[in-house]
Amino acid sequence: MPLIEVTLSAGRTAAQVRSMIHEVHAAVERTTAARPEHIRVIVREVPRDHWATGDVTLTELDASSG
């Protein structure tokens, strides 16, 4: 039973996340012998001020770029 976990910074629409889930599910179904009902996809959304790169949060990066 494949279990795929995706971590994203928050900010995408529900439709974008749903589309991504569909595409990930389709890729796993296409490339493994798993039955579709056995494929699990978990999406974790992290607030942008809880995700940092190089000691700068994504929120801070957003503010500095625009």
PDB file of N, CA and C in Angstrom:
ATOM      1  N   MET A   1       0.852  -1.174   0.000  1.00  0.00           N
ATOM      2  CA  MET A   1       0.000   0.000   0.000  1.00  0.00           C
ATOM      3  C   MET A   1       0.899   1.238   0.000  1.00  0.00           C
ATOM      4  N   PRO A   2       1.027   1.921  -1.126  1.00  0.00           N
ATOM      5  CA  PRO A   2       1.847   3.131  -1.165  1.00  0.00           C
ATOM      6  C   PRO A   2       1.239   4.255  -0.321  1.00  0.00           C
ATOM      7  N   LEU A   3       2.116   4.938   0.398  1.00  0.00           N
ATOM      8  CA  LEU A   3       1.731   6.122   1.165  1.00  0.00           C
ATOM      9  C   LEU A   3       2.657   7.245   0.727  1.00  0.00           C
ATOM     10  N   ILE A   4       2.090   8.273   0.156  1.00  0.00           N
ATOM     11  CA  ILE A   4       2.863   9.401  -0.330  1.00  0.00           C
ATOM     12  C   ILE A   4       2.521  10.601   0.536  1.00  0.00           C
ATOM     13  N   GLU A   5       3.550  11.238   1.085  1.00  0.00           N
ATOM     14  CA  GLU A   5       3.358  12.430   1.901  1.00  0.00           C
ATOM     15  C   GLU A   5       3.995  13.608   1.184  1.00  0.00           C
ATOM     16  N   VAL A   6       3.227  14.682   1.040  1.00  0.00           N
ATOM     17  CA  VAL A   6       3.689  15.894   0.380  1.00  0.00           C
ATOM     18  C   VAL A   6       3.572  17.037   1.378  1.00  0.00           C
ATOM     19  N   THR A   7       4.656  17.776   1.535  1.00  0.00           N
ATOM     20  CA  THR A   7       4.642  18.946   2.402  1.00  0.00           C
ATOM     21  C   THR A   7       4.788  20.174   1.530  1.00  0.00           C
ATOM     22  N   LEU A   8       3.860  21.101   1.683  1.00  0.00           N
ATOM     23  CA  LEU A   8       3.836  22.338   0.906  1.00  0.00           C
ATOM     24  C   LEU A   8       3.731  23.529   1.842  1.00  0.00           C
ATOM     25  N   SER A   9       4.256  24.649   1.389  1.00  0.00           N
ATOM     26  CA  SER A   9       3.966  25.872   2.130  1.00  0.00           C
ATOM     27  C   SER A   9       2.514  26.236   1.850  1.00  0.00           C
ATOM     28  N   ALA A  10       1.835  26.764   2.823  1.00  0.00           N
ATOM     29  CA  ALA A  10       0.428  27.136   2.687  1.00  0.00           C
ATOM     30  C   ALA A  10       0.284  28.243   1.660  1.00  0.00           C
ATOM     31  N   GLY A  11      -0.892  28.305   1.058  1.00  0.00           N
ATOM     32  CA  GLY A  11      -1.163  29.394   0.141  1.00  0.00           C
ATOM     33  C   GLY A  11      -1.776  28.967  -1.178  1.00  0.00           C
ATOM     34  N   ARG A  12      -1.852  27.681  -1.416  1.00  0.00           N
ATOM     35  CA  ARG A  12      -2.474  27.216  -2.647  1.00  0.00           C
ATOM     36  C   ARG A  12      -3.978  27.068  -2.435  1.00  0.00           C
ATOM     37  N   THR A  13      -4.708  27.142  -3.523  1.00  0.00           N
ATOM     38  CA  THR A  13      -6.155  26.983  -3.422  1.00  0.00           C
ATOM     39  C   THR A  13      -6.498  25.502  -3.214  1.00  0.00           C
ATOM     40  N   ALA A  14      -7.719  25.264  -2.752  1.00  0.00           N
ATOM     41  CA  ALA A  14      -8.181  23.886  -2.591  1.00  0.00           C
ATOM     42  C   ALA A  14      -8.154  23.160  -3.933  1.00  0.00           C
ATOM     43  N   ALA A  15      -8.475  23.857  -5.004  1.00  0.00           N
ATOM     44  CA  ALA A  15      -8.466  23.241  -6.329  1.00  0.00           C
ATOM     45  C   ALA A  15      -7.044  22.860  -6.751  1.00  0.00           C
ATOM     46  N   GLN A  16      -6.062  23.685  -6.438  1.00  0.00           N
ATOM     47  CA  GLN A  16      -4.676  23.367  -6.769  1.00  0.00           C
ATOM     48  C   GLN A  16      -4.204  22.130  -6.001  1.00  0.00           C
ATOM     49  N   VAL A  17      -4.531  22.072  -4.721  1.00  0.00           N
ATOM     50  CA  VAL A  17      -4.129  20.913  -3.901  1.00  0.00           C
ATOM     51  C   VAL A  17      -4.829  19.660  -4.404  1.00  0.00           C
ATOM     52  N   ARG A  18      -6.103  19.773  -4.727  1.00  0.00           N
ATOM     53  CA  ARG A  18      -6.847  18.608  -5.232  1.00  0.00           C
ATOM     54  C   ARG A  18      -6.256  18.110  -6.540  1.00  0.00           C
ATOM     55  N   SER A  19      -5.904  19.026  -7.424  1.00  0.00           N
ATOM     56  CA  SER A  19      -5.293  18.666  -8.699  1.00  0.00           C
ATOM     57  C   SER A  19      -3.958  17.955  -8.488  1.00  0.00           C
ATOM     58  N   MET A  20      -3.159  18.461  -7.556  1.00  0.00           N
ATOM     59  CA  MET A  20      -1.874  17.842  -7.253  1.00  0.00           C
ATOM     60  C   MET A  20      -2.082  16.427  -6.706  1.00  0.00           C
ATOM     61  N   ILE A  21      -3.054  16.254  -5.813  1.00  0.00           N
ATOM     62  CA  ILE A  21      -3.360  14.920  -5.275  1.00  0.00           C
ATOM     63  C   ILE A  21      -3.710  13.977  -6.423  1.00  0.00           C
ATOM     64  N   HIS A  22      -4.544  14.429  -7.335  1.00  0.00           N
ATOM     65  CA  HIS A  22      -4.939  13.607  -8.479  1.00  0.00           C
ATOM     66  C   HIS A  22      -3.724  13.194  -9.305  1.00  0.00           C
ATOM     67  N   GLU A  23      -2.851  14.147  -9.598  1.00  0.00           N
ATOM     68  CA  GLU A  23      -1.674  13.861 -10.431  1.00  0.00           C
ATOM     69  C   GLU A  23      -0.699  12.915  -9.728  1.00  0.00           C
ATOM     70  N   VAL A  24      -0.498  13.102  -8.428  1.00  0.00           N
ATOM     71  CA  VAL A  24       0.390  12.200  -7.674  1.00  0.00           C
ATOM     72  C   VAL A  24      -0.205  10.796  -7.660  1.00  0.00           C
ATOM     73  N   HIS A  25      -1.498  10.705  -7.374  1.00  0.00           N
ATOM     74  CA  HIS A  25      -2.177   9.407  -7.357  1.00  0.00           C
ATOM     75  C   HIS A  25      -2.035   8.727  -8.716  1.00  0.00           C
ATOM     76  N   ALA A  26      -2.267   9.462  -9.785  1.00  0.00           N
ATOM     77  CA  ALA A  26      -2.176   8.894 -11.130  1.00  0.00           C
ATOM     78  C   ALA A  26      -0.758   8.392 -11.427  1.00  0.00           C
ATOM     79  N   ALA A  27       0.252   9.147 -11.017  1.00  0.00           N
ATOM     80  CA  ALA A  27       1.641   8.734 -11.256  1.00  0.00           C
ATOM     81  C   ALA A  27       1.975   7.451 -10.504  1.00  0.00           C
ATOM     82  N   VAL A  28       1.531   7.361  -9.252  1.00  0.00           N
ATOM     83  CA  VAL A  28       1.806   6.156  -8.458  1.00  0.00           C
ATOM     84  C   VAL A  28       1.050   4.961  -9.047  1.00  0.00           C
ATOM     85  N   GLU A  29      -0.184   5.191  -9.425  1.00  0.00           N
ATOM     86  CA  GLU A  29      -0.967   4.100 -10.028  1.00  0.00           C
ATOM     87  C   GLU A  29      -0.313   3.627 -11.328  1.00  0.00           C
ATOM     88  N   ARG A  30       0.183   4.553 -12.130  1.00  0.00           N
ATOM     89  CA  ARG A  30       0.790   4.228 -13.413  1.00  0.00           C
ATOM     90  C   ARG A  30       2.122   3.488 -13.262  1.00  0.00           C
ATOM     91  N   THR A  31       2.859   3.777 -12.187  1.00  0.00           N
ATOM     92  CA  THR A  31       4.230   3.260 -12.077  1.00  0.00           C
ATOM     93  C   THR A  31       4.406   2.128 -11.070  1.00  0.00           C
ATOM     94  N   THR A  32       3.340   1.745 -10.395  1.00  0.00           N
ATOM     95  CA  THR A  32       3.417   0.636  -9.450  1.00  0.00           C
ATOM     96  C   THR A  32       2.294  -0.354  -9.746  1.00  0.00           C
ATOM     97  N   ALA A  33       2.342  -1.460  -9.091  1.00  0.00           N
ATOM     98  CA  ALA A  33       1.284  -2.454  -9.255  1.00  0.00           C
ATOM     99  C   ALA A  33       0.181  -2.278  -8.213  1.00  0.00           C
ATOM    100  N   ALA A  34       0.176  -1.151  -7.521  1.00  0.00           N
ATOM    101  CA  ALA A  34      -0.801  -0.925  -6.453  1.00  0.00           C
ATOM    102  C   ALA A  34      -2.198  -0.710  -7.019  1.00  0.00           C
ATOM    103  N   ARG A  35      -3.164  -1.246  -6.321  1.00  0.00           N
ATOM    104  CA  ARG A  35      -4.556  -0.992  -6.683  1.00  0.00           C
ATOM    105  C   ARG A  35      -4.901   0.445  -6.288  1.00  0.00           C
ATOM    106  N   PRO A  36      -5.696   1.136  -7.080  1.00  0.00           N
ATOM    107  CA  PRO A  36      -6.002   2.545  -6.812  1.00  0.00           C
ATOM    108  C   PRO A  36      -6.542   2.798  -5.410  1.00  0.00           C
ATOM    109  N   GLU A  37      -7.384   1.904  -4.929  1.00  0.00           N
ATOM    110  CA  GLU A  37      -7.978   2.105  -3.601  1.00  0.00           C
ATOM    111  C   GLU A  37      -6.978   1.909  -2.465  1.00  0.00           C
ATOM    112  N   HIS A  38      -5.787   1.425  -2.791  1.00  0.00           N
ATOM    113  CA  HIS A  38      -4.759   1.225  -1.774  1.00  0.00           C
ATOM    114  C   HIS A  38      -3.727   2.349  -1.741  1.00  0.00           C
ATOM    115  N   ILE A  39      -3.837   3.295  -2.651  1.00  0.00           N
ATOM    116  CA  ILE A  39      -2.886   4.406  -2.704  1.00  0.00           C
ATOM    117  C   ILE A  39      -3.365   5.509  -1.767  1.00  0.00           C
ATOM    118  N   ARG A  40      -2.463   5.935  -0.886  1.00  0.00           N
ATOM    119  CA  ARG A  40      -2.787   6.999   0.069  1.00  0.00           C
ATOM    120  C   ARG A  40      -1.917   8.216  -0.222  1.00  0.00           C
ATOM    121  N   VAL A  41      -2.520   9.388  -0.235  1.00  0.00           N
ATOM    122  CA  VAL A  41      -1.784  10.642  -0.415  1.00  0.00           C
ATOM    123  C   VAL A  41      -2.143  11.555   0.741  1.00  0.00           C
ATOM    124  N   ILE A  42      -1.123  12.024   1.442  1.00  0.00           N
ATOM    125  CA  ILE A  42      -1.317  12.956   2.560  1.00  0.00           C
ATOM    126  C   ILE A  42      -0.639  14.263   2.193  1.00  0.00           C
ATOM    127  N   VAL A  43      -1.374  15.358   2.329  1.00  0.00           N
ATOM    128  CA  VAL A  43      -0.810  16.683   2.062  1.00  0.00           C
ATOM    129  C   VAL A  43      -0.755  17.444   3.376  1.00  0.00           C
ATOM    130  N   ARG A  44       0.417  17.932   3.688  1.00  0.00           N
ATOM    131  CA  ARG A  44       0.611  18.754   4.880  1.00  0.00           C
ATOM    132  C   ARG A  44       0.954  20.157   4.423  1.00  0.00           C
ATOM    133  N   GLU A  45       0.203  21.112   4.916  1.00  0.00           N
ATOM    134  CA  GLU A  45       0.467  22.509   4.589  1.00  0.00           C
ATOM    135  C   GLU A  45       1.084  23.193   5.799  1.00  0.00           C
ATOM    136  N   VAL A  46       2.217  23.821   5.575  1.00  0.00           N
ATOM    137  CA  VAL A  46       2.956  24.490   6.636  1.00  0.00           C
ATOM    138  C   VAL A  46       2.787  25.991   6.461  1.00  0.00           C
ATOM    139  N   PRO A  47       2.415  26.706   7.517  1.00  0.00           N
ATOM    140  CA  PRO A  47       2.331  28.164   7.389  1.00  0.00           C
ATOM    141  C   PRO A  47       3.668  28.728   6.904  1.00  0.00           C
ATOM    142  N   ARG A  48       3.613  29.734   6.058  1.00  0.00           N
ATOM    143  CA  ARG A  48       4.830  30.274   5.454  1.00  0.00           C
ATOM    144  C   ARG A  48       5.773  30.881   6.488  1.00  0.00           C
ATOM    145  N   ASP A  49       5.229  31.297   7.634  1.00  0.00           N
ATOM    146  CA  ASP A  49       6.119  31.829   8.679  1.00  0.00           C
ATOM    147  C   ASP A  49       6.693  30.731   9.574  1.00  0.00           C
ATOM    148  N   HIS A  50       6.379  29.469   9.267  1.00  0.00           N
ATOM    149  CA  HIS A  50       6.946  28.317   9.979  1.00  0.00           C
ATOM    150  C   HIS A  50       7.918  27.546   9.098  1.00  0.00           C
ATOM    151  N   TRP A  51       8.276  28.089   7.949  1.00  0.00           N
ATOM    152  CA  TRP A  51       9.160  27.409   7.002  1.00  0.00           C
ATOM    153  C   TRP A  51      10.267  28.388   6.655  1.00  0.00           C
ATOM    154  N   ALA A  52      11.503  27.985   6.890  1.00  0.00           N
ATOM    155  CA  ALA A  52      12.626  28.899   6.638  1.00  0.00           C
ATOM    156  C   ALA A  52      13.669  28.236   5.759  1.00  0.00           C
ATOM    157  N   THR A  53      14.322  29.067   4.988  1.00  0.00           N
ATOM    158  CA  THR A  53      15.449  28.672   4.163  1.00  0.00           C
ATOM    159  C   THR A  53      16.558  29.667   4.438  1.00  0.00           C
ATOM    160  N   GLY A  54      17.709  29.178   4.869  1.00  0.00           N
ATOM    161  CA  GLY A  54      18.811  30.092   5.156  1.00  0.00           C
ATOM    162  C   GLY A  54      18.473  31.093   6.254  1.00  0.00           C
ATOM    163  N   ASP A  55      17.733  30.659   7.265  1.00  0.00           N
ATOM    164  CA  ASP A  55      17.339  31.487   8.404  1.00  0.00           C
ATOM    165  C   ASP A  55      16.419  32.642   8.017  1.00  0.00           C
ATOM    166  N   VAL A  56      15.723  32.501   6.895  1.00  0.00           N
ATOM    167  CA  VAL A  56      14.748  33.498   6.464  1.00  0.00           C
ATOM    168  C   VAL A  56      13.446  32.755   6.195  1.00  0.00           C
ATOM    169  N   THR A  57      12.362  33.182   6.828  1.00  0.00           N
ATOM    170  CA  THR A  57      11.094  32.501   6.606  1.00  0.00           C
ATOM    171  C   THR A  57      10.556  32.824   5.219  1.00  0.00           C
ATOM    172  N   LEU A  58       9.669  31.976   4.739  1.00  0.00           N
ATOM    173  CA  LEU A  58       9.055  32.236   3.445  1.00  0.00           C
ATOM    174  C   LEU A  58       8.250  33.527   3.475  1.00  0.00           C
ATOM    175  N   THR A  59       7.646  33.834   4.609  1.00  0.00           N
ATOM    176  CA  THR A  59       6.930  35.107   4.771  1.00  0.00           C
ATOM    177  C   THR A  59       7.864  36.280   4.587  1.00  0.00           C
ATOM    178  N   GLU A  60       9.049  36.179   5.181  1.00  0.00           N
ATOM    179  CA  GLU A  60      10.054  37.257   5.032  1.00  0.00           C
ATOM    180  C   GLU A  60      10.528  37.352   3.583  1.00  0.00           C
ATOM    181  N   LEU A  61      10.715  36.213   2.938  1.00  0.00           N
ATOM    182  CA  LEU A  61      11.099  36.232   1.526  1.00  0.00           C
ATOM    183  C   LEU A  61      10.021  36.880   0.666  1.00  0.00           C
ATOM    184  N   ASP A  62       8.767  36.560   0.965  1.00  0.00           N
ATOM    185  CA  ASP A  62       7.650  37.171   0.226  1.00  0.00           C
ATOM    186  C   ASP A  62       7.695  38.693   0.368  1.00  0.00           C
ATOM    187  N   ALA A  63       7.897  39.171   1.583  1.00  0.00           N
ATOM    188  CA  ALA A  63       7.903  40.613   1.848  1.00  0.00           C
ATOM    189  C   ALA A  63       9.064  41.320   1.155  1.00  0.00           C
ATOM    190  N   SER A  64      10.181  40.630   1.043  1.00  0.00           N
ATOM    191  CA  SER A  64      11.355  41.276   0.451  1.00  0.00           C
ATOM    192  C   SER A  64      11.335  41.262  -1.073  1.00  0.00           C
ATOM    193  N   SER A  65      10.479  40.429  -1.652  1.00  0.00           N
ATOM    194  CA  SER A  65      10.460  40.328  -3.116  1.00  0.00           C
ATOM    195  C   SER A  65       9.336  41.123  -3.756  1.00  0.00           C
ATOM    196  N   GLY A  66       8.525  41.745  -2.981  1.00  0.00           N
ATOM    197  CA  GLY A  66       7.447  42.450  -3.674  1.00  0.00           C
ATOM    198  C   GLY A  66       6.803  43.438  -2.835  1.00  0.00           C
TER     199      GLY A  66
END
